[in-house]
C-alpha atoms as a PDB file:
ATOM      1  CA  UNK A   1       5.604  13.955  29.279  1.00  0.00           C
ATOM      2  CA  UNK A   2       2.659  16.331  29.692  1.00  0.00           C
ATOM      3  CA  UNK A   3       4.808  18.812  31.634  1.00  0.00           C
ATOM      4  CA  UNK A   4       7.478  18.727  28.930  1.00  0.00           C
ATOM      5  CA  UNK A   5       4.824  19.307  26.255  1.00  0.00           C
ATOM      6  CA  UNK A   6       3.437  22.338  28.070  1.00  0.00           C
ATOM      7  CA  UNK A   7       6.946  23.707  28.674  1.00  0.00           C
ATOM      8  CA  UNK A   8       7.681  23.515  24.952  1.00  0.00           C
ATOM      9  CA  UNK A   9       4.644  25.733  24.375  1.00  0.00           C
ATOM     10  CA  UNK A  10       4.819  28.080  27.363  1.00  0.00           C
ATOM     11  CA  UNK A  11       8.540  28.913  27.340  1.00  0.00           C
ATOM     12  CA  UNK A  12       8.603  30.155  23.687  1.00  0.00           C
ATOM     13  CA  UNK A  13       5.328  32.008  24.303  1.00  0.00           C
ATOM     14  CA  UNK A  14       6.818  33.668  27.385  1.00  0.00           C
ATOM     15  CA  UNK A  15       9.891  34.776  25.417  1.00  0.00           C
ATOM     16  CA  UNK A  16       7.660  36.344  22.731  1.00  0.00           C
ATOM     17  CA  UNK A  17       5.648  38.200  25.394  1.00  0.00           C
ATOM     18  CA  UNK A  18       8.852  39.588  26.921  1.00  0.00           C
ATOM     19  CA  UNK A  19      10.026  40.839  23.538  1.00  0.00           C
ATOM     20  CA  UNK A  20       6.658  42.521  22.865  1.00  0.00           C
ATOM     21  CA  UNK A  21       6.706  44.230  26.289  1.00  0.00           C
ATOM     22  CA  UNK A  22      10.254  45.518  25.726  1.00  0.00           C
ATOM     23  CA  UNK A  23       9.271  46.636  22.243  1.00  0.00           C
ATOM     24  CA  UNK A  24       6.195  48.503  23.544  1.00  0.00           C
ATOM     25  CA  UNK A  25       8.230  50.232  26.287  1.00  0.00           C
ATOM     26  CA  UNK A  26      10.875  51.250  23.751  1.00  0.00           C
ATOM     27  CA  UNK A  27       8.205  52.792  21.513  1.00  0.00           C
ATOM     28  CA  UNK A  28       6.327  54.519  24.353  1.00  0.00           C
ATOM     29  CA  UNK A  29       9.421  56.155  25.822  1.00  0.00           C
ATOM     30  CA  UNK A  30      10.825  57.067  22.367  1.00  0.00           C
ATOM     31  CA  UNK A  31      14.141  55.333  22.996  1.00  0.00           C
ATOM     32  CA  UNK A  32      14.516  55.090  19.228  1.00  0.00           C
ATOM     33  CA  UNK A  33      12.337  57.579  17.386  1.00  0.00           C
ATOM     34  CA  UNK A  34      11.810  55.452  14.273  1.00  0.00           C
ATOM     35  CA  UNK A  35      10.541  52.342  16.109  1.00  0.00           C
ATOM     36  CA  UNK A  36       6.725  52.070  15.964  1.00  0.00           C
ATOM     37  CA  UNK A  37       4.695  50.417  18.696  1.00  0.00           C
ATOM     38  CA  UNK A  38       3.311  46.878  18.273  1.00  0.00           C
ATOM     39  CA  UNK A  39      -0.208  48.306  17.950  1.00  0.00           C
ATOM     40  CA  UNK A  40       0.854  50.598  15.092  1.00  0.00           C
ATOM     41  CA  UNK A  41       2.546  47.673  13.363  1.00  0.00           C
ATOM     42  CA  UNK A  42      -0.585  45.532  13.665  1.00  0.00           C
ATOM     43  CA  UNK A  43      -2.663  48.368  12.181  1.00  0.00           C
ATOM     44  CA  UNK A  44      -0.245  48.665   9.248  1.00  0.00           C
ATOM     45  CA  UNK A  45      -0.370  44.907   8.749  1.00  0.00           C
ATOM     46  CA  UNK A  46      -4.169  44.878   8.642  1.00  0.00           C
ATOM     47  CA  UNK A  47      -4.167  47.810   6.231  1.00  0.00           C
ATOM     48  CA  UNK A  48      -1.812  46.191   3.717  1.00  0.00           C
ATOM     49  CA  UNK A  49      -3.666  42.898   4.127  1.00  0.00           C
ATOM     50  CA  UNK A  50      -7.167  44.262   3.516  1.00  0.00           C
ATOM     51  CA  UNK A  51      -6.774  47.636   1.776  1.00  0.00           C
ATOM     52  CA  UNK A  52      -3.540  47.236  -0.193  1.00  0.00           C
ATOM     53  CA  UNK A  53      -0.734  49.600  -1.145  1.00  0.00           C
ATOM     54  CA  UNK A  54      -0.509  52.604  -3.472  1.00  0.00           C
ATOM     55  CA  UNK A  55      -0.228  50.299  -6.498  1.00  0.00           C
ATOM     56  CA  UNK A  56      -3.385  48.354  -5.519  1.00  0.00           C
ATOM     57  CA  UNK A  57      -1.384  45.281  -4.548  1.00  0.00           C
ATOM     58  CA  UNK A  58      -2.288  43.413  -1.367  1.00  0.00           C
ATOM     59  CA  UNK A  59      -0.008  41.605   1.059  1.00  0.00           C
ATOM     60  CA  UNK A  60      -0.988  38.276  -0.465  1.00  0.00           C
ATOM     61  CA  UNK A  61       0.099  39.530  -3.912  1.00  0.00           C
ATOM     62  CA  UNK A  62       3.531  40.491  -2.585  1.00  0.00           C
ATOM     63  CA  UNK A  63       3.851  37.209  -0.680  1.00  0.00           C
ATOM     64  CA  UNK A  64       2.927  35.037  -3.669  1.00  0.00           C
ATOM     65  CA  UNK A  65       5.334  36.964  -5.920  1.00  0.00           C
ATOM     66  CA  UNK A  66       8.217  36.373  -3.488  1.00  0.00           C
ATOM     67  CA  UNK A  67       7.318  32.691  -3.029  1.00  0.00           C
ATOM     68  CA  UNK A  68       7.143  32.207  -6.801  1.00  0.00           C
ATOM     69  CA  UNK A  69      10.667  33.615  -7.224  1.00  0.00           C
ATOM     70  CA  UNK A  70      11.970  31.392  -4.433  1.00  0.00           C
ATOM     71  CA  UNK A  71      10.434  28.276  -5.959  1.00  0.00           C
ATOM     72  CA  UNK A  72      11.950  29.006  -9.371  1.00  0.00           C
ATOM     73  CA  UNK A  73      15.437  29.376  -7.905  1.00  0.00           C
ATOM     74  CA  UNK A  74      14.946  26.341  -5.680  1.00  0.00           C
ATOM     75  CA  UNK A  75      13.766  24.227  -8.614  1.00  0.00           C
ATOM     76  CA  UNK A  76      16.895  24.961 -10.656  1.00  0.00           C
ATOM     77  CA  UNK A  77      19.068  24.350  -7.594  1.00  0.00           C
ATOM     78  CA  UNK A  78      17.431  20.956  -7.043  1.00  0.00           C
ATOM     79  CA  UNK A  79      17.685  19.759 -10.659  1.00  0.00           C
ATOM     80  CA  UNK A  80      21.404  20.605 -10.722  1.00  0.00           C
ATOM     81  CA  UNK A  81      22.591  20.000  -7.140  1.00  0.00           C
ATOM     82  CA  UNK A  82      20.918  16.616  -6.559  1.00  0.00           C
ATOM     83  CA  UNK A  83      22.290  14.849  -9.684  1.00  0.00           C
ATOM     84  CA  UNK A  84      25.718  16.433  -9.147  1.00  0.00           C
ATOM     85  CA  UNK A  85      25.667  15.444  -5.476  1.00  0.00           C
ATOM     86  CA  UNK A  86      24.797  11.850  -6.378  1.00  0.00           C
ATOM     87  CA  UNK A  87      27.643  11.627  -8.902  1.00  0.00           C
ATOM     88  CA  UNK A  88      30.171  13.228  -6.562  1.00  0.00           C
ATOM     89  CA  UNK A  89      29.024  11.032  -3.674  1.00  0.00           C
ATOM     90  CA  UNK A  90      29.554   7.899  -5.752  1.00  0.00           C
ATOM     91  CA  UNK A  91      32.865   8.871  -7.379  1.00  0.00           C
ATOM     92  CA  UNK A  92      36.077   9.780  -5.572  1.00  0.00           C
ATOM     93  CA  UNK A  93      37.519  11.193  -8.808  1.00  0.00           C
ATOM     94  CA  UNK A  94      34.606  13.601  -9.237  1.00  0.00           C
ATOM     95  CA  UNK A  95      34.911  14.505  -5.567  1.00  0.00           C
ATOM     96  CA  UNK A  96      38.568  15.415  -6.053  1.00  0.00           C
ATOM     97  CA  UNK A  97      37.639  17.438  -9.144  1.00  0.00           C
ATOM     98  CA  UNK A  98      34.725  19.430  -7.703  1.00  0.00           C
ATOM     99  CA  UNK A  99      35.859  19.935  -4.096  1.00  0.00           C
ATOM    100  CA  UNK A 100      38.299  22.829  -4.777  1.00  0.00           C
ATOM    101  CA  UNK A 101      35.722  24.634  -6.941  1.00  0.00           C
ATOM    102  CA  UNK A 102      32.918  24.192  -4.420  1.00  0.00           C
ATOM    103  CA  UNK A 103      35.056  25.228  -1.457  1.00  0.00           C
ATOM    104  CA  UNK A 104      36.085  28.422  -3.280  1.00  0.00           C
ATOM    105  CA  UNK A 105      32.534  29.398  -4.273  1.00  0.00           C
ATOM    106  CA  UNK A 106      30.641  28.287  -1.149  1.00  0.00           C
ATOM    107  CA  UNK A 107      31.963  31.009   1.246  1.00  0.00           C
ATOM    108  CA  UNK A 108      30.862  33.779  -1.124  1.00  0.00           C
ATOM    109  CA  UNK A 109      27.566  35.221   0.214  1.00  0.00           C
ATOM    110  CA  UNK A 110      24.732  34.951  -2.327  1.00  0.00           C
ATOM    111  CA  UNK A 111      24.079  38.687  -1.935  1.00  0.00           C
ATOM    112  CA  UNK A 112      27.594  39.363  -3.257  1.00  0.00           C
ATOM    113  CA  UNK A 113      26.444  37.954  -6.612  1.00  0.00           C
ATOM    114  CA  UNK A 114      23.760  40.639  -7.023  1.00  0.00           C
ATOM    115  CA  UNK A 115      25.935  43.071  -9.073  1.00  0.00           C
ATOM    116  CA  UNK A 116      27.019  40.198 -11.313  1.00  0.00           C
ATOM    117  CA  UNK A 117      23.405  39.027 -11.757  1.00  0.00           C
ATOM    118  CA  UNK A 118      22.169  42.521 -12.593  1.00  0.00           C
ATOM    119  CA  UNK A 119      25.001  43.064 -15.088  1.00  0.00           C
ATOM    120  CA  UNK A 120      24.345  39.814 -16.946  1.00  0.00           C
ATOM    121  CA  UNK A 121      20.582  39.300 -16.561  1.00  0.00           C
ATOM    122  CA  UNK A 122      19.300  42.816 -15.907  1.00  0.00           C
ATOM    123  CA  UNK A 123      16.481  43.788 -13.564  1.00  0.00           C
ATOM    124  CA  UNK A 124      13.877  41.072 -13.347  1.00  0.00           C
ATOM    125  CA  UNK A 125      13.009  37.576 -12.289  1.00  0.00           C
ATOM    126  CA  UNK A 126      16.010  35.923 -13.959  1.00  0.00           C
ATOM    127  CA  UNK A 127      18.543  37.826 -11.866  1.00  0.00           C
ATOM    128  CA  UNK A 128      16.527  37.193  -8.690  1.00  0.00           C
ATOM    129  CA  UNK A 129      16.206  33.487  -9.467  1.00  0.00           C
ATOM    130  CA  UNK A 130      19.949  33.319 -10.061  1.00  0.00           C
ATOM    131  CA  UNK A 131      20.682  34.760  -6.600  1.00  0.00           C
ATOM    132  CA  UNK A 132      18.276  32.273  -5.017  1.00  0.00           C
ATOM    133  CA  UNK A 133      19.826  29.462  -7.056  1.00  0.00           C
ATOM    134  CA  UNK A 134      23.294  30.343  -5.736  1.00  0.00           C
ATOM    135  CA  UNK A 135      22.066  30.378  -2.151  1.00  0.00           C
ATOM    136  CA  UNK A 136      20.067  27.153  -2.449  1.00  0.00           C
ATOM    137  CA  UNK A 137      22.554  25.104  -4.461  1.00  0.00           C
ATOM    138  CA  UNK A 138      25.230  24.439  -1.845  1.00  0.00           C
ATOM    139  CA  UNK A 139      23.034  23.096   1.012  1.00  0.00           C
ATOM    140  CA  UNK A 140      21.314  20.663  -1.370  1.00  0.00           C
ATOM    141  CA  UNK A 141      24.596  19.632  -2.985  1.00  0.00           C
ATOM    142  CA  UNK A 142      26.393  19.024   0.326  1.00  0.00           C
ATOM    143  CA  UNK A 143      23.508  17.140   1.939  1.00  0.00           C
ATOM    144  CA  UNK A 144      23.049  14.967  -1.145  1.00  0.00           C
ATOM    145  CA  UNK A 145      26.707  13.953  -0.986  1.00  0.00           C
ATOM    146  CA  UNK A 146      26.423  13.221   2.744  1.00  0.00           C
ATOM    147  CA  UNK A 147      23.261  11.197   2.177  1.00  0.00           C
ATOM    148  CA  UNK A 148      24.914   9.069  -0.509  1.00  0.00           C
ATOM    149  CA  UNK A 149      27.995   8.434   1.630  1.00  0.00           C
ATOM    150  CA  UNK A 150      25.985   7.625   4.759  1.00  0.00           C
ATOM    151  CA  UNK A 151      24.202   4.674   3.147  1.00  0.00           C
ATOM    152  CA  UNK A 152      25.048   1.564   5.142  1.00  0.00           C
ATOM    153  CA  UNK A 153      27.399  -0.778   3.230  1.00  0.00           C
ATOM    154  CA  UNK A 154      25.393  -3.669   4.668  1.00  0.00           C
ATOM    155  CA  UNK A 155      22.347  -2.626   2.612  1.00  0.00           C
ATOM    156  CA  UNK A 156      24.440  -2.555  -0.551  1.00  0.00           C
ATOM    157  CA  UNK A 157      25.994  -5.961   0.146  1.00  0.00           C
ATOM    158  CA  UNK A 158      22.589  -7.502   0.827  1.00  0.00           C
ATOM    159  CA  UNK A 159      21.289  -6.074  -2.450  1.00  0.00           C
ATOM    160  CA  UNK A 160      24.273  -7.545  -4.316  1.00  0.00           C
ATOM    161  CA  UNK A 161      23.667 -10.912  -2.681  1.00  0.00           C
ATOM    162  CA  UNK A 162      20.080 -10.812  -3.918  1.00  0.00           C
ATOM    163  CA  UNK A 163      21.327 -10.240  -7.470  1.00  0.00           C
ATOM    164  CA  UNK A 164      20.764  -6.483  -7.838  1.00  0.00           C
ATOM    165  CA  UNK A 165      22.871  -4.701 -10.463  1.00  0.00           C
ATOM    166  CA  UNK A 166      24.434  -1.242 -10.013  1.00  0.00           C
ATOM    167  CA  UNK A 167      21.389   0.592 -11.342  1.00  0.00           C
ATOM    168  CA  UNK A 168      19.028  -1.341  -9.053  1.00  0.00           C
ATOM    169  CA  UNK A 169      21.285  -0.620  -6.060  1.00  0.00           C
ATOM    170  CA  UNK A 170      21.269   3.079  -6.888  1.00  0.00           C
ATOM    171  CA  UNK A 171      17.521   3.240  -7.493  1.00  0.00           C
ATOM    172  CA  UNK A 172      16.273   0.920  -4.743  1.00  0.00           C
ATOM    173  CA  UNK A 173      18.918   1.224  -2.016  1.00  0.00           C
ATOM    174  CA  UNK A 174      21.117   4.327  -2.236  1.00  0.00           C
ATOM    175  CA  UNK A 175      18.523   6.923  -3.250  1.00  0.00           C
ATOM    176  CA  UNK A 176      15.801   5.894  -0.756  1.00  0.00           C
ATOM    177  CA  UNK A 177      18.366   5.752   2.064  1.00  0.00           C
ATOM    178  CA  UNK A 178      19.754   9.191   1.200  1.00  0.00           C
ATOM    179  CA  UNK A 179      16.373  10.920   0.789  1.00  0.00           C
ATOM    180  CA  UNK A 180      16.172  12.119   4.429  1.00  0.00           C
ATOM    181  CA  UNK A 181      19.499  13.960   4.069  1.00  0.00           C
ATOM    182  CA  UNK A 182      18.460  15.396   0.708  1.00  0.00           C
ATOM    183  CA  UNK A 183      15.215  16.704   2.176  1.00  0.00           C
ATOM    184  CA  UNK A 184      17.148  18.348   5.024  1.00  0.00           C
ATOM    185  CA  UNK A 185      19.277  20.058   2.384  1.00  0.00           C
ATOM    186  CA  UNK A 186      16.148  21.263   0.576  1.00  0.00           C
ATOM    187  CA  UNK A 187      14.731  22.631   3.833  1.00  0.00           C
ATOM    188  CA  UNK A 188      17.933  24.542   4.569  1.00  0.00           C
ATOM    189  CA  UNK A 189      18.094  25.729   0.962  1.00  0.00           C
ATOM    190  CA  UNK A 190      14.527  26.996   1.117  1.00  0.00           C
ATOM    191  CA  UNK A 191      15.368  29.046   4.220  1.00  0.00           C
ATOM    192  CA  UNK A 192      18.436  30.495   2.529  1.00  0.00           C
ATOM    193  CA  UNK A 193      16.439  31.157  -0.635  1.00  0.00           C
ATOM    194  CA  UNK A 194      13.792  33.005   1.377  1.00  0.00           C
ATOM    195  CA  UNK A 195      16.469  35.349   2.742  1.00  0.00           C
ATOM    196  CA  UNK A 196      18.004  35.764  -0.705  1.00  0.00           C
ATOM    197  CA  UNK A 197      14.736  36.709  -2.388  1.00  0.00           C
ATOM    198  CA  UNK A 198      14.136  39.536   0.078  1.00  0.00           C
ATOM    199  CA  UNK A 199      17.628  40.891  -0.556  1.00  0.00           C
ATOM    200  CA  UNK A 200      17.316  40.560  -4.339  1.00  0.00           C
ATOM    201  CA  UNK A 201      13.939  42.317  -4.347  1.00  0.00           C
ATOM    202  CA  UNK A 202      15.500  45.322  -2.659  1.00  0.00           C
ATOM    203  CA  UNK A 203      17.511  46.110  -5.772  1.00  0.00           C
ATOM    204  CA  UNK A 204      16.482  43.969  -8.721  1.00  0.00           C
ATOM    205  CA  UNK A 205      12.813  44.599  -9.458  1.00  0.00           C
ATOM    206  CA  UNK A 206      11.100  46.028 -12.507  1.00  0.00           C
ATOM    207  CA  UNK A 207       7.612  45.846 -11.025  1.00  0.00           C
ATOM    208  CA  UNK A 208       6.554  47.030  -7.547  1.00  0.00           C
ATOM    209  CA  UNK A 209       5.705  43.541  -6.309  1.00  0.00           C
ATOM    210  CA  UNK A 210       7.398  41.468  -3.604  1.00  0.00           C
ATOM    211  CA  UNK A 211       7.997  41.604   0.130  1.00  0.00           C
ATOM    212  CA  UNK A 212      11.530  42.929  -0.319  1.00  0.00           C
ATOM    213  CA  UNK A 213      10.272  45.746  -2.505  1.00  0.00           C
ATOM    214  CA  UNK A 214       7.563  46.565   0.023  1.00  0.00           C
ATOM    215  CA  UNK A 215      10.154  46.806   2.810  1.00  0.00           C
ATOM    216  CA  UNK A 216      12.319  49.153   0.763  1.00  0.00           C
ATOM    217  CA  UNK A 217       9.407  51.271  -0.477  1.00  0.00           C
ATOM    218  CA  UNK A 218       7.866  51.769   2.965  1.00  0.00           C
ATOM    219  CA  UNK A 219      11.210  52.587   4.605  1.00  0.00           C
ATOM    220  CA  UNK A 220      12.103  55.012   1.820  1.00  0.00           C
ATOM    221  CA  UNK A 221       9.012  57.086   2.588  1.00  0.00           C
ATOM    222  CA  UNK A 222       9.341  56.805   6.354  1.00  0.00           C
ATOM    223  CA  UNK A 223       6.429  54.415   6.781  1.00  0.00           C
ATOM    224  CA  UNK A 224       8.217  52.334   9.407  1.00  0.00           C
ATOM    225  CA  UNK A 225       4.951  50.883  10.706  1.00  0.00           C
ATOM    226  CA  UNK A 226       4.589  49.033   7.423  1.00  0.00           C
ATOM    227  CA  UNK A 227       8.319  48.255   7.263  1.00  0.00           C
ATOM    228  CA  UNK A 228       8.212  46.466  10.615  1.00  0.00           C
ATOM    229  CA  UNK A 229       4.956  44.730   9.709  1.00  0.00           C
ATOM    230  CA  UNK A 230       6.408  43.267   6.507  1.00  0.00           C
ATOM    231  CA  UNK A 231       9.662  42.315   8.224  1.00  0.00           C
ATOM    232  CA  UNK A 232       7.716  40.384  10.856  1.00  0.00           C
ATOM    233  CA  UNK A 233       5.474  38.820   8.220  1.00  0.00           C
ATOM    234  CA  UNK A 234       8.590  37.709   6.343  1.00  0.00           C
ATOM    235  CA  UNK A 235       9.956  36.124   9.503  1.00  0.00           C
ATOM    236  CA  UNK A 236       6.716  34.304  10.276  1.00  0.00           C
ATOM    237  CA  UNK A 237       6.507  32.947   6.728  1.00  0.00           C
ATOM    238  CA  UNK A 238      10.065  31.650   7.040  1.00  0.00           C
ATOM    239  CA  UNK A 239       9.183  30.089  10.383  1.00  0.00           C
ATOM    240  CA  UNK A 240       6.134  28.423   8.870  1.00  0.00           C
ATOM    241  CA  UNK A 241       8.172  27.032   5.977  1.00  0.00           C
ATOM    242  CA  UNK A 242      10.792  25.603   8.341  1.00  0.00           C
ATOM    243  CA  UNK A 243       8.324  23.937  10.691  1.00  0.00           C
ATOM    244  CA  UNK A 244       6.193  22.726   7.796  1.00  0.00           C
ATOM    245  CA  UNK A 245       9.142  20.949   6.175  1.00  0.00           C
ATOM    246  CA  UNK A 246      10.284  19.563   9.523  1.00  0.00           C
ATOM    247  CA  UNK A 247       6.827  18.090  10.008  1.00  0.00           C
ATOM    248  CA  UNK A 248       6.962  16.617   6.493  1.00  0.00           C
ATOM    249  CA  UNK A 249      10.345  15.075   7.256  1.00  0.00           C
ATOM    250  CA  UNK A 250       9.065  13.478  10.453  1.00  0.00           C
ATOM    251  CA  UNK A 251       6.016  12.099   8.649  1.00  0.00           C
ATOM    252  CA  UNK A 252       7.814  10.734   5.590  1.00  0.00           C
ATOM    253  CA  UNK A 253      10.777   9.312   7.471  1.00  0.00           C
ATOM    254  CA  UNK A 254       9.212   8.223  10.734  1.00  0.00           C
ATOM    255  CA  UNK A 255      10.806   4.808  10.135  1.00  0.00           C
ATOM    256  CA  UNK A 256      14.181   6.374  11.013  1.00  0.00           C
ATOM    257  CA  UNK A 257      12.962   7.095  14.530  1.00  0.00           C
ATOM    258  CA  UNK A 258      11.759   3.553  14.965  1.00  0.00           C
ATOM    259  CA  UNK A 259      15.189   2.355  13.823  1.00  0.00           C
ATOM    260  CA  UNK A 260      16.899   4.579  16.362  1.00  0.00           C
ATOM    261  CA  UNK A 261      18.378   7.026  13.859  1.00  0.00           C
ATOM    262  CA  UNK A 262      16.811  10.157  15.342  1.00  0.00           C
END
């Protein structure tokens, strides 16, 4: 067990070191002229973190602005996708009604909705939230349906035997049993929303605030040190969100592991 634990740490660390070495060699030998070295990227990261940009915004300001936009879009996705998913999961008729619509809209990349969002909502937080909403809706909706349908019929029959009505079964049996799947959908949606907000900030901002804007602004003026720094920071934030939610899932639903469901 101890060897496996160390391998889980050392192997990813080794892969990161290899990438950094290749990156440094590429920069030193000017294989691609626009690629900065890791040291230059770290310097740019420290500068934007401590000194700020030309508009007196710091990295934390840009990060919080992007996170705020993601949370708005995710909130609207949750309050629409979860109730709809519950209804569709419980009703075959609603499933037949919504399935063609969902299957037509789901393959459309959220970024493809950017022109539509800008035309209807203009440049600003509403259009960005709409793009994030589109990206986050489908994972939550699909996982909610799967969670509802994966509830064991035995639980429902036992609840009926104990005298529970339909509302009690929904509230005390179906929803608690489906929560793990719903949370997985939220985690996936948050990852998709994080990608969507960066893309939407590249084109749909009124104010110079957000990680996507910072990537575009720095690249536009040839400051690729900062561009790479923000791209990496964006990736690490996404990684932190994913692992944080996975840890929350394991903590909240550790009973599934004890029941042999993991």
